[in-house]
Amino acid sequence: MIDKKAIEAVENAVFYEHQNIVKKYGAIYHSEHEGYAVLLEEVEEADDALDLLKTKLQDMWNYIKINMNDRTTVYQAQQAAIGLAEEAIQCAAVCERFLNTLSKENEKK
């Protein structure tokens, strides 16, 4: 299980990424369709990052099976995992902006 301080760090990263998105693109999406499309794109990027991590894991296993120690592949897996975390943070920040969009739309009704 992840440590409380690590959870706080992730939540802070989501907060800062959301602020960055708002600064660049505004507080809300123009429509639910736009919010969905942006989230879909981020999820696809996260999926690609997960695929890379899985590939590195398979590479590690291939080295282990032949009794080779390959620090480079482990490092690459670590970097892939960090990339996956970054993409997940972006997904969460996009969701925050999407939630703000939905709140604004509900206020109009």
N, C-alpha and C. Protein backbone atom coordinates (compact mmCIF):
# COMPACT_ATOMS: atom_id res chain seq x y z
N MET A 1 0.84 -1.18 0.00
CA MET A 1 0.00 0.00 0.00
C MET A 1 0.89 1.24 0.00
N ILE A 2 0.45 2.26 -0.68
CA ILE A 2 1.25 3.48 -0.81
C ILE A 2 1.17 4.31 0.48
N ASP A 3 2.27 4.93 0.81
CA ASP A 3 2.39 5.74 2.02
C ASP A 3 1.53 7.01 1.93
N LYS A 4 1.07 7.48 3.08
CA LYS A 4 0.22 8.68 3.12
C LYS A 4 0.91 9.89 2.50
N LYS A 5 2.20 10.03 2.75
CA LYS A 5 2.92 11.17 2.18
C LYS A 5 3.00 11.06 0.66
N ALA A 6 3.12 9.85 0.17
CA ALA A 6 3.13 9.66 -1.28
C ALA A 6 1.76 9.99 -1.87
N ILE A 7 0.71 9.62 -1.16
CA ILE A 7 -0.64 9.97 -1.62
C ILE A 7 -0.80 11.48 -1.68
N GLU A 8 -0.32 12.16 -0.65
CA GLU A 8 -0.38 13.62 -0.64
C GLU A 8 0.41 14.21 -1.81
N ALA A 9 1.55 13.62 -2.09
CA ALA A 9 2.37 14.11 -3.21
C ALA A 9 1.63 13.94 -4.53
N VAL A 10 0.95 12.82 -4.69
CA VAL A 10 0.17 12.59 -5.92
C VAL A 10 -0.97 13.60 -6.00
N GLU A 11 -1.67 13.78 -4.89
CA GLU A 11 -2.77 14.76 -4.88
C GLU A 11 -2.27 16.16 -5.19
N ASN A 12 -1.11 16.51 -4.66
CA ASN A 12 -0.51 17.82 -4.97
C ASN A 12 -0.14 17.91 -6.44
N ALA A 13 0.39 16.83 -6.98
CA ALA A 13 0.75 16.82 -8.40
C ALA A 13 -0.49 17.01 -9.27
N VAL A 14 -1.59 16.37 -8.90
CA VAL A 14 -2.85 16.54 -9.64
C VAL A 14 -3.31 17.99 -9.54
N PHE A 15 -3.23 18.55 -8.34
CA PHE A 15 -3.62 19.95 -8.13
C PHE A 15 -2.81 20.88 -9.03
N TYR A 16 -1.49 20.71 -9.03
CA TYR A 16 -0.63 21.59 -9.83
C TYR A 16 -0.84 21.37 -11.32
N GLU A 17 -1.05 20.13 -11.73
CA GLU A 17 -1.31 19.87 -13.15
C GLU A 17 -2.64 20.49 -13.56
N HIS A 18 -3.63 20.41 -12.68
CA HIS A 18 -4.92 21.04 -12.98
C HIS A 18 -4.75 22.55 -13.11
N GLN A 19 -4.00 23.15 -12.22
CA GLN A 19 -3.74 24.59 -12.31
C GLN A 19 -3.06 24.94 -13.64
N ASN A 20 -2.12 24.11 -14.04
CA ASN A 20 -1.43 24.33 -15.30
C ASN A 20 -2.40 24.26 -16.48
N ILE A 21 -3.29 23.28 -16.46
CA ILE A 21 -4.29 23.14 -17.52
C ILE A 21 -5.20 24.36 -17.56
N VAL A 22 -5.66 24.79 -16.40
CA VAL A 22 -6.55 25.96 -16.33
C VAL A 22 -5.84 27.20 -16.87
N LYS A 23 -4.58 27.35 -16.50
CA LYS A 23 -3.81 28.51 -16.97
C LYS A 23 -3.68 28.50 -18.50
N LYS A 24 -3.47 27.32 -19.06
CA LYS A 24 -3.28 27.22 -20.51
C LYS A 24 -4.58 27.25 -21.30
N TYR A 25 -5.62 26.58 -20.77
CA TYR A 25 -6.82 26.34 -21.58
C TYR A 25 -8.12 26.87 -20.99
N GLY A 26 -8.08 27.36 -19.77
CA GLY A 26 -9.30 27.84 -19.13
C GLY A 26 -9.83 26.84 -18.12
N ALA A 27 -10.79 27.31 -17.33
CA ALA A 27 -11.28 26.53 -16.19
C ALA A 27 -12.20 25.37 -16.59
N ILE A 28 -12.88 25.52 -17.72
CA ILE A 28 -13.84 24.48 -18.11
C ILE A 28 -13.69 24.15 -19.59
N TYR A 29 -14.25 23.00 -19.95
CA TYR A 29 -14.32 22.62 -21.36
C TYR A 29 -15.51 23.31 -22.00
N HIS A 30 -15.48 23.39 -23.32
CA HIS A 30 -16.59 24.02 -24.04
C HIS A 30 -17.84 23.15 -24.02
N SER A 31 -17.63 21.85 -23.86
CA SER A 31 -18.76 20.92 -23.84
C SER A 31 -18.34 19.62 -23.17
N GLU A 32 -19.32 18.81 -22.87
CA GLU A 32 -19.02 17.48 -22.34
C GLU A 32 -18.27 16.65 -23.38
N HIS A 33 -18.60 16.87 -24.63
CA HIS A 33 -17.93 16.14 -25.71
C HIS A 33 -16.43 16.44 -25.71
N GLU A 34 -16.09 17.72 -25.55
CA GLU A 34 -14.68 18.09 -25.52
C GLU A 34 -13.99 17.48 -24.31
N GLY A 35 -14.63 17.56 -23.16
CA GLY A 35 -14.05 16.98 -21.95
C GLY A 35 -13.80 15.49 -22.11
N TYR A 36 -14.77 14.80 -22.69
CA TYR A 36 -14.62 13.37 -22.93
C TYR A 36 -13.46 13.10 -23.88
N ALA A 37 -13.38 13.87 -24.95
CA ALA A 37 -12.32 13.65 -25.95
C ALA A 37 -10.94 13.87 -25.35
N VAL A 38 -10.80 14.91 -24.54
CA VAL A 38 -9.50 15.18 -23.92
C VAL A 38 -9.15 14.06 -22.94
N LEU A 39 -10.13 13.63 -22.15
CA LEU A 39 -9.88 12.54 -21.20
C LEU A 39 -9.53 11.25 -21.94
N LEU A 40 -10.24 10.97 -23.01
CA LEU A 40 -9.95 9.77 -23.80
C LEU A 40 -8.51 9.80 -24.31
N GLU A 41 -8.08 10.94 -24.80
CA GLU A 41 -6.71 11.06 -25.29
C GLU A 41 -5.70 10.79 -24.17
N GLU A 42 -5.96 11.34 -23.00
CA GLU A 42 -5.04 11.13 -21.87
C GLU A 42 -5.04 9.67 -21.43
N VAL A 43 -6.20 9.04 -21.43
CA VAL A 43 -6.27 7.63 -21.05
C VAL A 43 -5.52 6.77 -22.07
N GLU A 44 -5.64 7.11 -23.34
CA GLU A 44 -4.89 6.38 -24.37
C GLU A 44 -3.39 6.53 -24.17
N GLU A 45 -2.95 7.73 -23.78
CA GLU A 45 -1.53 7.94 -23.50
C GLU A 45 -1.10 7.13 -22.28
N ALA A 46 -1.95 7.06 -21.27
CA ALA A 46 -1.65 6.24 -20.09
C ALA A 46 -1.58 4.76 -20.48
N ASP A 47 -2.47 4.35 -21.35
CA ASP A 47 -2.47 2.96 -21.82
C ASP A 47 -1.16 2.65 -22.56
N ASP A 48 -0.71 3.59 -23.39
CA ASP A 48 0.57 3.41 -24.08
C ASP A 48 1.72 3.31 -23.08
N ALA A 49 1.67 4.13 -22.05
CA ALA A 49 2.72 4.09 -21.02
C ALA A 49 2.69 2.75 -20.29
N LEU A 50 1.50 2.23 -20.02
CA LEU A 50 1.39 0.93 -19.38
C LEU A 50 1.93 -0.17 -20.29
N ASP A 51 1.64 -0.08 -21.57
CA ASP A 51 2.18 -1.06 -22.52
C ASP A 51 3.70 -1.06 -22.50
N LEU A 52 4.30 0.13 -22.44
CA LEU A 52 5.75 0.22 -22.39
C LEU A 52 6.29 -0.43 -21.12
N LEU A 53 5.63 -0.18 -20.00
CA LEU A 53 6.05 -0.80 -18.74
C LEU A 53 5.95 -2.32 -18.83
N LYS A 54 4.88 -2.81 -19.41
CA LYS A 54 4.72 -4.26 -19.56
C LYS A 54 5.81 -4.84 -20.46
N THR A 55 6.17 -4.12 -21.49
CA THR A 55 7.25 -4.57 -22.38
C THR A 55 8.56 -4.66 -21.61
N LYS A 56 8.84 -3.66 -20.80
CA LYS A 56 10.08 -3.67 -20.02
C LYS A 56 10.06 -4.80 -18.99
N LEU A 57 8.90 -5.08 -18.44
CA LEU A 57 8.77 -6.19 -17.50
C LEU A 57 9.06 -7.52 -18.20
N GLN A 58 8.55 -7.67 -19.40
CA GLN A 58 8.82 -8.89 -20.17
C GLN A 58 10.31 -8.98 -20.51
N ASP A 59 10.91 -7.85 -20.86
CA ASP A 59 12.35 -7.84 -21.13
C ASP A 59 13.13 -8.29 -19.89
N MET A 60 12.73 -7.78 -18.72
CA MET A 60 13.40 -8.18 -17.48
C MET A 60 13.29 -9.68 -17.28
N TRP A 61 12.09 -10.22 -17.49
CA TRP A 61 11.88 -11.65 -17.29
C TRP A 61 12.75 -12.46 -18.25
N ASN A 62 12.86 -11.99 -19.47
CA ASN A 62 13.70 -12.69 -20.45
C ASN A 62 15.16 -12.73 -19.98
N TYR A 63 15.64 -11.64 -19.41
CA TYR A 63 17.01 -11.63 -18.88
C TYR A 63 17.14 -12.53 -17.66
N ILE A 64 16.14 -12.51 -16.80
CA ILE A 64 16.18 -13.34 -15.59
C ILE A 64 16.23 -14.82 -15.97
N LYS A 65 15.47 -15.20 -16.97
CA LYS A 65 15.42 -16.62 -17.38
C LYS A 65 16.78 -17.12 -17.86
N ILE A 66 17.61 -16.23 -18.36
CA ILE A 66 18.94 -16.66 -18.81
C ILE A 66 20.02 -16.24 -17.81
N ASN A 67 19.57 -15.95 -16.59
CA ASN A 67 20.46 -15.60 -15.48
C ASN A 67 21.36 -14.41 -15.77
N MET A 68 20.79 -13.42 -16.42
CA MET A 68 21.53 -12.19 -16.67
C MET A 68 20.97 -11.07 -15.80
N ASN A 69 21.87 -10.27 -15.29
CA ASN A 69 21.50 -9.10 -14.50
C ASN A 69 21.54 -7.90 -15.43
N ASP A 70 20.38 -7.29 -15.66
CA ASP A 70 20.33 -6.17 -16.59
C ASP A 70 19.76 -4.93 -15.91
N ARG A 71 20.64 -4.13 -15.34
CA ARG A 71 20.22 -2.91 -14.64
C ARG A 71 19.54 -1.93 -15.59
N THR A 72 19.98 -1.91 -16.83
CA THR A 72 19.42 -0.96 -17.79
C THR A 72 17.93 -1.20 -17.98
N THR A 73 17.54 -2.45 -18.11
CA THR A 73 16.12 -2.76 -18.31
C THR A 73 15.30 -2.42 -17.07
N VAL A 74 15.86 -2.67 -15.91
CA VAL A 74 15.15 -2.31 -14.67
C VAL A 74 14.99 -0.79 -14.60
N TYR A 75 16.03 -0.07 -14.95
CA TYR A 75 15.95 1.40 -14.98
C TYR A 75 14.90 1.86 -16.00
N GLN A 76 14.89 1.23 -17.16
CA GLN A 76 13.89 1.59 -18.17
C GLN A 76 12.48 1.29 -17.68
N ALA A 77 12.31 0.21 -16.96
CA ALA A 77 11.00 -0.10 -16.38
C ALA A 77 10.61 0.96 -15.36
N GLN A 78 11.57 1.37 -14.56
CA GLN A 78 11.31 2.42 -13.57
C GLN A 78 10.87 3.71 -14.27
N GLN A 79 11.57 4.08 -15.32
CA GLN A 79 11.22 5.29 -16.05
C GLN A 79 9.85 5.16 -16.72
N ALA A 80 9.55 3.97 -17.21
CA ALA A 80 8.23 3.73 -17.81
C ALA A 80 7.13 3.86 -16.75
N ALA A 81 7.41 3.37 -15.55
CA ALA A 81 6.44 3.47 -14.45
C ALA A 81 6.23 4.94 -14.06
N ILE A 82 7.30 5.70 -14.04
CA ILE A 82 7.18 7.13 -13.74
C ILE A 82 6.35 7.81 -14.83
N GLY A 83 6.61 7.46 -16.08
CA GLY A 83 5.82 8.01 -17.18
C GLY A 83 4.35 7.66 -17.04
N LEU A 84 4.07 6.44 -16.62
CA LEU A 84 2.69 6.01 -16.40
C LEU A 84 2.05 6.84 -15.28
N ALA A 85 2.80 7.07 -14.22
CA ALA A 85 2.29 7.89 -13.12
C ALA A 85 1.99 9.31 -13.60
N GLU A 86 2.87 9.85 -14.42
CA GLU A 86 2.64 11.19 -14.96
C GLU A 86 1.37 11.24 -15.79
N GLU A 87 1.16 10.23 -16.61
CA GLU A 87 -0.05 10.18 -17.43
C GLU A 87 -1.29 10.04 -16.55
N ALA A 88 -1.19 9.24 -15.49
CA ALA A 88 -2.33 9.08 -14.58
C ALA A 88 -2.65 10.40 -13.88
N ILE A 89 -1.62 11.15 -13.54
CA ILE A 89 -1.83 12.46 -12.92
C ILE A 89 -2.54 13.39 -13.90
N GLN A 90 -2.14 13.34 -15.16
CA GLN A 90 -2.83 14.16 -16.16
C GLN A 90 -4.29 13.74 -16.29
N CYS A 91 -4.55 12.45 -16.27
CA CYS A 91 -5.94 11.96 -16.34
C CYS A 91 -6.76 12.53 -15.18
N ALA A 92 -6.19 12.49 -13.99
CA ALA A 92 -6.90 12.99 -12.82
C ALA A 92 -7.14 14.49 -12.93
N ALA A 93 -6.17 15.23 -13.44
CA ALA A 93 -6.32 16.68 -13.59
C ALA A 93 -7.38 17.00 -14.64
N VAL A 94 -7.41 16.24 -15.72
CA VAL A 94 -8.44 16.42 -16.74
C VAL A 94 -9.81 16.13 -16.15
N CYS A 95 -9.90 15.10 -15.33
CA CYS A 95 -11.17 14.79 -14.66
C CYS A 95 -11.62 15.96 -13.78
N GLU A 96 -10.68 16.58 -13.10
CA GLU A 96 -11.02 17.74 -12.26
C GLU A 96 -11.61 18.86 -13.11
N ARG A 97 -10.98 19.13 -14.23
CA ARG A 97 -11.50 20.17 -15.13
C ARG A 97 -12.87 19.76 -15.67
N PHE A 98 -13.04 18.49 -15.97
CA PHE A 98 -14.32 17.98 -16.46
C PHE A 98 -15.39 18.14 -15.37
N LEU A 99 -15.04 17.84 -14.14
CA LEU A 99 -15.99 18.03 -13.03
C LEU A 99 -16.40 19.49 -12.90
N ASN A 100 -15.44 20.39 -13.07
CA ASN A 100 -15.75 21.82 -13.03
C ASN A 100 -16.69 22.20 -14.16
N THR A 101 -16.48 21.61 -15.32
CA THR A 101 -17.36 21.85 -16.47
C THR A 101 -18.78 21.41 -16.15
N LEU A 102 -18.90 20.22 -15.59
CA LEU A 102 -20.23 19.70 -15.26
C LEU A 102 -20.91 20.56 -14.19
N SER A 103 -20.14 21.05 -13.24
CA SER A 103 -20.70 21.92 -12.20
C SER A 103 -21.24 23.21 -12.81
N LYS A 104 -20.49 23.78 -13.75
CA LYS A 104 -20.94 25.01 -14.41
C LYS A 104 -22.20 24.75 -15.23
N GLU A 105 -22.25 23.60 -15.89
CA GLU A 105 -23.44 23.27 -16.69
C GLU A 105 -24.66 23.08 -15.79
N ASN A 106 -24.45 22.49 -14.62
CA ASN A 106 -25.57 22.29 -13.69
C ASN A 106 -26.07 23.62 -13.14
N GLU A 107 -25.16 24.59 -12.99
CA GLU A 107 -25.56 25.91 -12.51
C GLU A 107 -26.47 26.62 -13.52
N LYS A 108 -26.24 26.33 -14.81
CA LYS A 108 -27.04 26.96 -15.87
C LYS A 108 -28.47 26.44 -15.88
N LYS A 109 -28.67 25.23 -15.40
CA LYS A 109 -29.99 24.59 -15.48
C LYS A 109 -30.92 25.05 -14.38
